Amino acid sequence: MKKLCIALGLGLALTCGSAFAFHCPIDMKAIDEALAQKPKLSEAQLTEIKQYREQGAELHKAGKHAESVEVLGKAKAILGLK
């Protein structure tokens, strides 16, 4: 029973990690598309968004998908994206 619980836990962890991995590119694309629309934001906000976007991409490449989604979420919030 203990082995079954461990196996199920690992499977769930891997599934969640995969979900985050696929979510990062979607978030990055949404940010890029929003920036292409030339939103009316301050230079400071645009700089912050671009930094979050870059950091999110680096975290994604490093396999840190949950962190990437969190950072990209900050950029999306500034842009008013859900």
C-alpha atoms as a PDB file:
ATOM      1  CA  MET A   1       0.000   0.000   0.000  1.00  0.00           C
ATOM      2  CA  LYS A   2       2.826   2.373   0.872  1.00  0.00           C
ATOM      3  CA  LYS A   3       4.500   1.736  -2.502  1.00  0.00           C
ATOM      4  CA  LEU A   4       1.217   2.415  -4.270  1.00  0.00           C
ATOM      5  CA  CYS A   5       0.848   5.766  -2.501  1.00  0.00           C
ATOM      6  CA  ILE A   6       4.403   6.734  -3.392  1.00  0.00           C
ATOM      7  CA  ALA A   7       3.880   5.714  -7.030  1.00  0.00           C
ATOM      8  CA  LEU A   8       0.641   7.703  -7.231  1.00  0.00           C
ATOM      9  CA  GLY A   9       2.314  10.722  -5.636  1.00  0.00           C
ATOM     10  CA  LEU A  10       5.176  10.620  -8.106  1.00  0.00           C
ATOM     11  CA  GLY A  11       2.783  10.230 -11.017  1.00  0.00           C
ATOM     12  CA  LEU A  12       0.779  13.220  -9.847  1.00  0.00           C
ATOM     13  CA  ALA A  13       3.926  15.298  -9.418  1.00  0.00           C
ATOM     14  CA  LEU A  14       5.089  14.456 -12.931  1.00  0.00           C
ATOM     15  CA  THR A  15       1.680  15.234 -14.387  1.00  0.00           C
ATOM     16  CA  CYS A  16       1.557  18.615 -12.663  1.00  0.00           C
ATOM     17  CA  GLY A  17       5.085  19.394 -13.817  1.00  0.00           C
ATOM     18  CA  SER A  18       4.120  18.576 -17.378  1.00  0.00           C
ATOM     19  CA  ALA A  19       1.075  20.817 -17.146  1.00  0.00           C
ATOM     20  CA  PHE A  20       3.230  23.711 -16.005  1.00  0.00           C
ATOM     21  CA  ALA A  21       5.761  22.964 -18.752  1.00  0.00           C
ATOM     22  CA  PHE A  22       3.083  23.362 -21.397  1.00  0.00           C
ATOM     23  CA  HIS A  23       1.645  26.445 -19.711  1.00  0.00           C
ATOM     24  CA  CYS A  24       4.880  28.488 -19.876  1.00  0.00           C
ATOM     25  CA  PRO A  25       4.955  28.817 -23.693  1.00  0.00           C
ATOM     26  CA  ILE A  26       1.274  29.777 -23.717  1.00  0.00           C
ATOM     27  CA  ASP A  27       1.934  32.534 -21.177  1.00  0.00           C
ATOM     28  CA  MET A  28       5.000  33.774 -23.056  1.00  0.00           C
ATOM     29  CA  LYS A  29       3.018  33.906 -26.302  1.00  0.00           C
ATOM     30  CA  ALA A  30       0.203  35.862 -24.616  1.00  0.00           C
ATOM     31  CA  ILE A  31       2.711  38.361 -23.226  1.00  0.00           C
ATOM     32  CA  ASP A  32       4.427  38.754 -26.603  1.00  0.00           C
ATOM     33  CA  GLU A  33       1.099  39.292 -28.362  1.00  0.00           C
ATOM     34  CA  ALA A  34       0.009  41.874 -25.791  1.00  0.00           C
ATOM     35  CA  LEU A  35       3.312  43.745 -26.130  1.00  0.00           C
ATOM     36  CA  ALA A  36       2.954  43.734 -29.922  1.00  0.00           C
ATOM     37  CA  GLN A  37      -0.288  45.699 -29.476  1.00  0.00           C
ATOM     38  CA  LYS A  38       1.751  48.587 -27.998  1.00  0.00           C
ATOM     39  CA  PRO A  39      -0.137  48.838 -24.688  1.00  0.00           C
ATOM     40  CA  LYS A  40      -0.344  52.240 -23.037  1.00  0.00           C
ATOM     41  CA  LEU A  41       1.989  51.577 -20.133  1.00  0.00           C
ATOM     42  CA  SER A  42       4.839  53.509 -18.602  1.00  0.00           C
ATOM     43  CA  GLU A  43       8.417  52.751 -19.602  1.00  0.00           C
ATOM     44  CA  ALA A  44       8.982  51.357 -16.114  1.00  0.00           C
ATOM     45  CA  GLN A  45       6.067  48.946 -16.529  1.00  0.00           C
ATOM     46  CA  LEU A  46       7.246  47.846 -19.961  1.00  0.00           C
ATOM     47  CA  THR A  47      10.743  47.264 -18.615  1.00  0.00           C
ATOM     48  CA  GLU A  48       9.355  45.230 -15.718  1.00  0.00           C
ATOM     49  CA  ILE A  49       7.214  43.126 -18.063  1.00  0.00           C
ATOM     50  CA  LYS A  50      10.165  42.431 -20.344  1.00  0.00           C
ATOM     51  CA  GLN A  51      12.303  41.415 -17.351  1.00  0.00           C
ATOM     52  CA  TYR A  52       9.603  39.041 -16.104  1.00  0.00           C
ATOM     53  CA  ARG A  53       9.202  37.629 -19.621  1.00  0.00           C
ATOM     54  CA  GLU A  54      12.935  36.965 -19.926  1.00  0.00           C
ATOM     55  CA  GLN A  55      13.180  35.508 -16.436  1.00  0.00           C
ATOM     56  CA  GLY A  56      10.179  33.271 -17.112  1.00  0.00           C
ATOM     57  CA  ALA A  57      11.766  31.959 -20.304  1.00  0.00           C
ATOM     58  CA  GLU A  58      15.018  31.202 -18.473  1.00  0.00           C
ATOM     59  CA  LEU A  59      13.183  29.365 -15.698  1.00  0.00           C
ATOM     60  CA  HIS A  60      11.220  27.377 -18.292  1.00  0.00           C
ATOM     61  CA  LYS A  61      14.428  26.327 -20.043  1.00  0.00           C
ATOM     62  CA  ALA A  62      15.890  25.313 -16.669  1.00  0.00           C
ATOM     63  CA  GLY A  63      12.893  23.060 -16.028  1.00  0.00           C
ATOM     64  CA  LYS A  64      11.555  25.249 -13.210  1.00  0.00           C
ATOM     65  CA  HIS A  65       8.069  25.444 -14.653  1.00  0.00           C
ATOM     66  CA  ALA A  66       6.105  26.358 -11.527  1.00  0.00           C
ATOM     67  CA  GLU A  67       8.459  29.275 -10.912  1.00  0.00           C
ATOM     68  CA  SER A  68       8.248  30.274 -14.565  1.00  0.00           C
ATOM     69  CA  VAL A  69       4.447  30.347 -14.474  1.00  0.00           C
ATOM     70  CA  GLU A  70       4.571  32.465 -11.311  1.00  0.00           C
ATOM     71  CA  VAL A  71       6.974  35.017 -12.820  1.00  0.00           C
ATOM     72  CA  LEU A  72       5.118  35.149 -16.128  1.00  0.00           C
ATOM     73  CA  GLY A  73       1.911  35.674 -14.152  1.00  0.00           C
ATOM     74  CA  LYS A  74       3.373  38.910 -12.783  1.00  0.00           C
ATOM     75  CA  ALA A  75       3.939  40.186 -16.324  1.00  0.00           C
ATOM     76  CA  LYS A  76       0.446  39.133 -17.337  1.00  0.00           C
ATOM     77  CA  ALA A  77      -1.025  40.955 -14.340  1.00  0.00           C
ATOM     78  CA  ILE A  78       0.656  44.216 -15.323  1.00  0.00           C
ATOM     79  CA  LEU A  79      -0.700  43.763 -18.842  1.00  0.00           C
ATOM     80  CA  GLY A  80      -4.174  43.005 -17.494  1.00  0.00           C
ATOM     81  CA  LEU A  81      -4.188  39.467 -18.899  1.00  0.00           C
ATOM     82  CA  LYS A  82      -5.854  36.560 -17.155  1.00  0.00           C
END
